[in-house]
Amino acid sequence: VELCGHATLAAAHTLFTSGMVDSDTIEFMTLSGILIAKRVPETKSSDNSKIQDGDVPGKWIELDFPVVPIMEDDAERISSVSKVLNGTSIVEIKKTATGDHF
């Protein structure tokens, strides 16, 4: 499936809170690779007064997104970016190695 962090977070929340998953980790297979959703303890600075029905107090969901490989961009594009930025010096520009991931 196409990768969408918001939908994945919602799916993980639903699976965890409904009891459909008997684990603290879920692996989603995406076109970008395996995305891992993990239940983790909440930080002490969190405000428990805002807990909604169905929420599990003391648990947060951490998403570990697949790594998208990057590579050097071509010199022509770097030059055009510098021109658009009124001649600003460009340190480096990278692009994704596969597809148009943003």
C-alpha atoms as a PDB file:
ATOM      1  CA  VAL A   1       0.000   0.000   0.000  1.00  0.00           C
ATOM      2  CA  GLU A   2       1.027   3.641  -0.360  1.00  0.00           C
ATOM      3  CA  LEU A   3       2.638   4.947   2.816  1.00  0.00           C
ATOM      4  CA  CYS A   4       0.520   7.361   4.866  1.00  0.00           C
ATOM      5  CA  GLY A   5       1.717   8.065   8.404  1.00  0.00           C
ATOM      6  CA  HIS A   6      -1.611   9.418   9.666  1.00  0.00           C
ATOM      7  CA  ALA A   7      -3.569   6.405   8.421  1.00  0.00           C
ATOM      8  CA  THR A   8      -0.936   4.028   9.789  1.00  0.00           C
ATOM      9  CA  LEU A   9      -1.056   5.708  13.191  1.00  0.00           C
ATOM     10  CA  ALA A  10      -4.869   5.477  13.213  1.00  0.00           C
ATOM     11  CA  ALA A  11      -4.759   1.813  12.149  1.00  0.00           C
ATOM     12  CA  ALA A  12      -2.199   0.988  14.853  1.00  0.00           C
ATOM     13  CA  HIS A  13      -4.273   2.800  17.488  1.00  0.00           C
ATOM     14  CA  THR A  14      -7.393   0.877  16.464  1.00  0.00           C
ATOM     15  CA  LEU A  15      -5.586  -2.470  16.464  1.00  0.00           C
ATOM     16  CA  PHE A  16      -3.977  -1.830  19.858  1.00  0.00           C
ATOM     17  CA  THR A  17      -7.052  -0.443  21.650  1.00  0.00           C
ATOM     18  CA  SER A  18      -9.512  -2.982  20.230  1.00  0.00           C
ATOM     19  CA  GLY A  19      -7.450  -5.885  21.536  1.00  0.00           C
ATOM     20  CA  MET A  20      -7.001  -7.282  18.012  1.00  0.00           C
ATOM     21  CA  VAL A  21      -3.231  -7.312  18.570  1.00  0.00           C
ATOM     22  CA  ASP A  22      -1.680  -9.179  21.490  1.00  0.00           C
ATOM     23  CA  SER A  23       1.705  -7.493  21.124  1.00  0.00           C
ATOM     24  CA  ASP A  24       3.322  -4.107  21.612  1.00  0.00           C
ATOM     25  CA  THR A  25       4.582  -4.111  18.001  1.00  0.00           C
ATOM     26  CA  ILE A  26       2.846  -4.187  14.620  1.00  0.00           C
ATOM     27  CA  GLU A  27       4.647  -4.418  11.274  1.00  0.00           C
ATOM     28  CA  PHE A  28       2.933  -2.880   8.249  1.00  0.00           C
ATOM     29  CA  MET A  29       4.110  -3.896   4.780  1.00  0.00           C
ATOM     30  CA  THR A  30       4.230  -0.780   2.564  1.00  0.00           C
ATOM     31  CA  LEU A  31       5.566   0.043  -0.888  1.00  0.00           C
ATOM     32  CA  SER A  32       8.402   1.875   0.895  1.00  0.00           C
ATOM     33  CA  GLY A  33       9.275  -1.087   3.108  1.00  0.00           C
ATOM     34  CA  ILE A  34       8.286  -2.300   6.555  1.00  0.00           C
ATOM     35  CA  LEU A  35       6.823   0.350   8.867  1.00  0.00           C
ATOM     36  CA  ILE A  36       6.865  -0.600  12.554  1.00  0.00           C
ATOM     37  CA  ALA A  37       4.312   0.738  15.040  1.00  0.00           C
ATOM     38  CA  LYS A  38       5.285   0.195  18.664  1.00  0.00           C
ATOM     39  CA  ARG A  39       3.417   0.871  21.916  1.00  0.00           C
ATOM     40  CA  VAL A  40       5.728   2.743  24.278  1.00  0.00           C
ATOM     41  CA  PRO A  41       5.299   4.198  27.769  1.00  0.00           C
ATOM     42  CA  GLU A  42       4.222   7.834  27.774  1.00  0.00           C
ATOM     43  CA  THR A  43       6.505  10.492  29.177  1.00  0.00           C
ATOM     44  CA  LYS A  44       5.959  11.904  32.653  1.00  0.00           C
ATOM     45  CA  SER A  45       5.162  15.339  31.208  1.00  0.00           C
ATOM     46  CA  SER A  46       2.016  14.046  29.466  1.00  0.00           C
ATOM     47  CA  ASP A  47      -1.405  15.267  30.565  1.00  0.00           C
ATOM     48  CA  ASN A  48      -3.665  12.299  31.451  1.00  0.00           C
ATOM     49  CA  SER A  49      -6.702  14.597  31.902  1.00  0.00           C
ATOM     50  CA  LYS A  50      -7.315  14.509  28.134  1.00  0.00           C
ATOM     51  CA  ILE A  51      -7.709  10.711  27.815  1.00  0.00           C
ATOM     52  CA  GLN A  52     -10.641   9.763  25.567  1.00  0.00           C
ATOM     53  CA  ASP A  53     -12.850   6.641  25.799  1.00  0.00           C
ATOM     54  CA  GLY A  54     -10.957   3.660  24.383  1.00  0.00           C
ATOM     55  CA  ASP A  55      -7.526   5.209  24.912  1.00  0.00           C
ATOM     56  CA  VAL A  56      -5.015   3.264  26.937  1.00  0.00           C
ATOM     57  CA  PRO A  57      -3.480   5.555  29.564  1.00  0.00           C
ATOM     58  CA  GLY A  58       0.283   5.271  29.853  1.00  0.00           C
ATOM     59  CA  LYS A  59       0.848   4.195  26.231  1.00  0.00           C
ATOM     60  CA  TRP A  60       1.938   6.098  23.134  1.00  0.00           C
ATOM     61  CA  ILE A  61       2.485   4.814  19.614  1.00  0.00           C
ATOM     62  CA  GLU A  62       5.910   5.264  18.058  1.00  0.00           C
ATOM     63  CA  LEU A  63       6.249   4.872  14.274  1.00  0.00           C
ATOM     64  CA  ASP A  64       9.534   3.714  12.747  1.00  0.00           C
ATOM     65  CA  PHE A  65       9.321   4.632   9.055  1.00  0.00           C
ATOM     66  CA  PRO A  66      11.271   2.774   6.388  1.00  0.00           C
ATOM     67  CA  VAL A  67      14.499   4.423   5.282  1.00  0.00           C
ATOM     68  CA  VAL A  68      14.331   5.893   1.800  1.00  0.00           C
ATOM     69  CA  PRO A  69      17.777   5.842   0.175  1.00  0.00           C
ATOM     70  CA  ILE A  70      19.122   9.204  -0.995  1.00  0.00           C
ATOM     71  CA  MET A  71      21.771  10.212  -3.505  1.00  0.00           C
ATOM     72  CA  GLU A  72      23.489  13.341  -4.832  1.00  0.00           C
ATOM     73  CA  ASP A  73      21.325  15.575  -7.007  1.00  0.00           C
ATOM     74  CA  ASP A  74      22.548  16.741 -10.407  1.00  0.00           C
ATOM     75  CA  ALA A  75      24.587  19.947 -10.755  1.00  0.00           C
ATOM     76  CA  GLU A  76      22.026  21.597 -13.057  1.00  0.00           C
ATOM     77  CA  ARG A  77      19.290  21.388 -10.437  1.00  0.00           C
ATOM     78  CA  ILE A  78      21.631  22.675  -7.712  1.00  0.00           C
ATOM     79  CA  SER A  79      22.493  25.644  -9.915  1.00  0.00           C
ATOM     80  CA  SER A  80      18.814  26.411 -10.573  1.00  0.00           C
ATOM     81  CA  VAL A  81      17.981  26.267  -6.848  1.00  0.00           C
ATOM     82  CA  SER A  82      20.817  28.694  -6.128  1.00  0.00           C
ATOM     83  CA  LYS A  83      19.464  31.081  -8.804  1.00  0.00           C
ATOM     84  CA  VAL A  84      15.928  30.913  -7.379  1.00  0.00           C
ATOM     85  CA  LEU A  85      17.392  31.790  -3.977  1.00  0.00           C
ATOM     86  CA  ASN A  86      19.121  34.915  -5.368  1.00  0.00           C
ATOM     87  CA  GLY A  87      22.548  33.271  -5.654  1.00  0.00           C
ATOM     88  CA  THR A  88      22.567  31.779  -2.185  1.00  0.00           C
ATOM     89  CA  SER A  89      25.388  29.284  -1.711  1.00  0.00           C
ATOM     90  CA  ILE A  90      24.093  25.716  -1.653  1.00  0.00           C
ATOM     91  CA  VAL A  91      25.893  23.297   0.668  1.00  0.00           C
ATOM     92  CA  GLU A  92      24.249  20.144  -0.660  1.00  0.00           C
ATOM     93  CA  ILE A  93      21.036  18.864  -2.182  1.00  0.00           C
ATOM     94  CA  LYS A  94      20.020  15.225  -2.052  1.00  0.00           C
ATOM     95  CA  LYS A  95      17.237  13.382  -3.834  1.00  0.00           C
ATOM     96  CA  THR A  96      15.583  10.066  -3.204  1.00  0.00           C
ATOM     97  CA  ALA A  97      17.167   7.208  -5.080  1.00  0.00           C
ATOM     98  CA  THR A  98      13.832   5.652  -6.047  1.00  0.00           C
ATOM     99  CA  GLY A  99      10.558   7.360  -6.900  1.00  0.00           C
ATOM    100  CA  ASP A 100       9.301  10.723  -5.764  1.00  0.00           C
ATOM    101  CA  HIS A 101       9.210  10.343  -1.964  1.00  0.00           C
ATOM    102  CA  PHE A 102       8.795  13.552  -0.037  1.00  0.00           C
END
